[in-house]
Amino acid sequence: MVSLALQLETADALAVLRSQAYGSDRTVDALAAALAADLVAGRLTARQLGEDADSDR
């Protein structure tokens, strides 16, 4: 889901998840589940996810 939303290769999308997980003191699994739930529920858009990733570049 992250790789599609951010138009990244899978390895790069995983790196984004790892950095976000580290920054929020969560596991990658916990973060991925929370992101997926937020995306599906409409609390987070792919665009917002991209903006968060862009701020780290």
C-alpha atoms as a PDB file:
ATOM      1  CA  MET A   1       0.000   0.000   0.000  1.00  0.00           C
ATOM      2  CA  VAL A   2       2.815   2.414   0.886  1.00  0.00           C
ATOM      3  CA  SER A   3       4.774   1.619  -2.261  1.00  0.00           C
ATOM      4  CA  LEU A   4       1.727   2.347  -4.417  1.00  0.00           C
ATOM      5  CA  ALA A   5       0.730   5.480  -2.521  1.00  0.00           C
ATOM      6  CA  LEU A   6       4.235   6.941  -2.706  1.00  0.00           C
ATOM      7  CA  GLN A   7       5.162   5.441  -6.075  1.00  0.00           C
ATOM      8  CA  LEU A   8       8.249   3.804  -4.598  1.00  0.00           C
ATOM      9  CA  GLU A   9       9.997   0.516  -5.086  1.00  0.00           C
ATOM     10  CA  THR A  10       9.164  -1.999  -2.371  1.00  0.00           C
ATOM     11  CA  ALA A  11      12.560  -1.687  -0.657  1.00  0.00           C
ATOM     12  CA  ASP A  12      12.221   2.097  -0.506  1.00  0.00           C
ATOM     13  CA  ALA A  13       8.671   1.873   0.845  1.00  0.00           C
ATOM     14  CA  LEU A  14       9.909  -0.476   3.564  1.00  0.00           C
ATOM     15  CA  ALA A  15      12.630   2.031   4.441  1.00  0.00           C
ATOM     16  CA  VAL A  16       9.934   4.717   4.833  1.00  0.00           C
ATOM     17  CA  LEU A  17       7.945   2.400   7.114  1.00  0.00           C
ATOM     18  CA  ARG A  18      11.034   1.600   9.160  1.00  0.00           C
ATOM     19  CA  SER A  19      11.918   5.254   9.639  1.00  0.00           C
ATOM     20  CA  GLN A  20       8.350   6.160  10.599  1.00  0.00           C
ATOM     21  CA  ALA A  21       8.190   3.215  13.009  1.00  0.00           C
ATOM     22  CA  TYR A  22      11.478   4.189  14.612  1.00  0.00           C
ATOM     23  CA  GLY A  23      10.377   7.813  14.940  1.00  0.00           C
ATOM     24  CA  SER A  24       7.108   6.833  16.599  1.00  0.00           C
ATOM     25  CA  ASP A  25       8.628   4.081  18.799  1.00  0.00           C
ATOM     26  CA  ARG A  26       6.500   1.342  17.197  1.00  0.00           C
ATOM     27  CA  THR A  27       7.225  -1.860  15.375  1.00  0.00           C
ATOM     28  CA  VAL A  28       6.923  -1.855  11.594  1.00  0.00           C
ATOM     29  CA  ASP A  29       4.005  -4.283  11.896  1.00  0.00           C
ATOM     30  CA  ALA A  30       2.141  -2.026  14.333  1.00  0.00           C
ATOM     31  CA  LEU A  31       2.773   1.038  12.197  1.00  0.00           C
ATOM     32  CA  ALA A  32       1.720  -0.696   8.980  1.00  0.00           C
ATOM     33  CA  ALA A  33      -1.502  -1.915  10.600  1.00  0.00           C
ATOM     34  CA  ALA A  34      -2.287   1.578  11.903  1.00  0.00           C
ATOM     35  CA  LEU A  35      -1.552   3.185   8.521  1.00  0.00           C
ATOM     36  CA  ALA A  36      -3.683   0.651   6.691  1.00  0.00           C
ATOM     37  CA  ALA A  37      -6.565   1.173   9.110  1.00  0.00           C
ATOM     38  CA  ASP A  38      -6.291   4.961   8.773  1.00  0.00           C
ATOM     39  CA  LEU A  39      -6.180   4.771   4.973  1.00  0.00           C
ATOM     40  CA  VAL A  40      -9.166   2.440   4.758  1.00  0.00           C
ATOM     41  CA  ALA A  41     -11.188   4.507   7.257  1.00  0.00           C
ATOM     42  CA  GLY A  42     -10.386   7.737   5.410  1.00  0.00           C
ATOM     43  CA  ARG A  43      -8.514   9.323   8.334  1.00  0.00           C
ATOM     44  CA  LEU A  44      -5.372   9.447   6.198  1.00  0.00           C
ATOM     45  CA  THR A  45      -4.981   9.900   2.471  1.00  0.00           C
ATOM     46  CA  ALA A  46      -2.198   8.647   0.235  1.00  0.00           C
ATOM     47  CA  ARG A  47      -1.322  12.282  -0.409  1.00  0.00           C
ATOM     48  CA  GLN A  48      -0.834  12.922   3.318  1.00  0.00           C
ATOM     49  CA  LEU A  49       1.328   9.843   3.570  1.00  0.00           C
ATOM     50  CA  GLY A  50       3.441  11.170   0.716  1.00  0.00           C
ATOM     51  CA  GLU A  51       3.767  14.568   2.366  1.00  0.00           C
ATOM     52  CA  ASP A  52       5.076  12.938   5.545  1.00  0.00           C
ATOM     53  CA  ALA A  53       7.638  10.950   3.569  1.00  0.00           C
ATOM     54  CA  ASP A  54       8.688  14.006   1.546  1.00  0.00           C
ATOM     55  CA  SER A  55       9.455  15.939   4.741  1.00  0.00           C
ATOM     56  CA  ASP A  56      12.142  13.367   5.575  1.00  0.00           C
ATOM     57  CA  ARG A  57      13.962  13.681   2.245  1.00  0.00           C
END
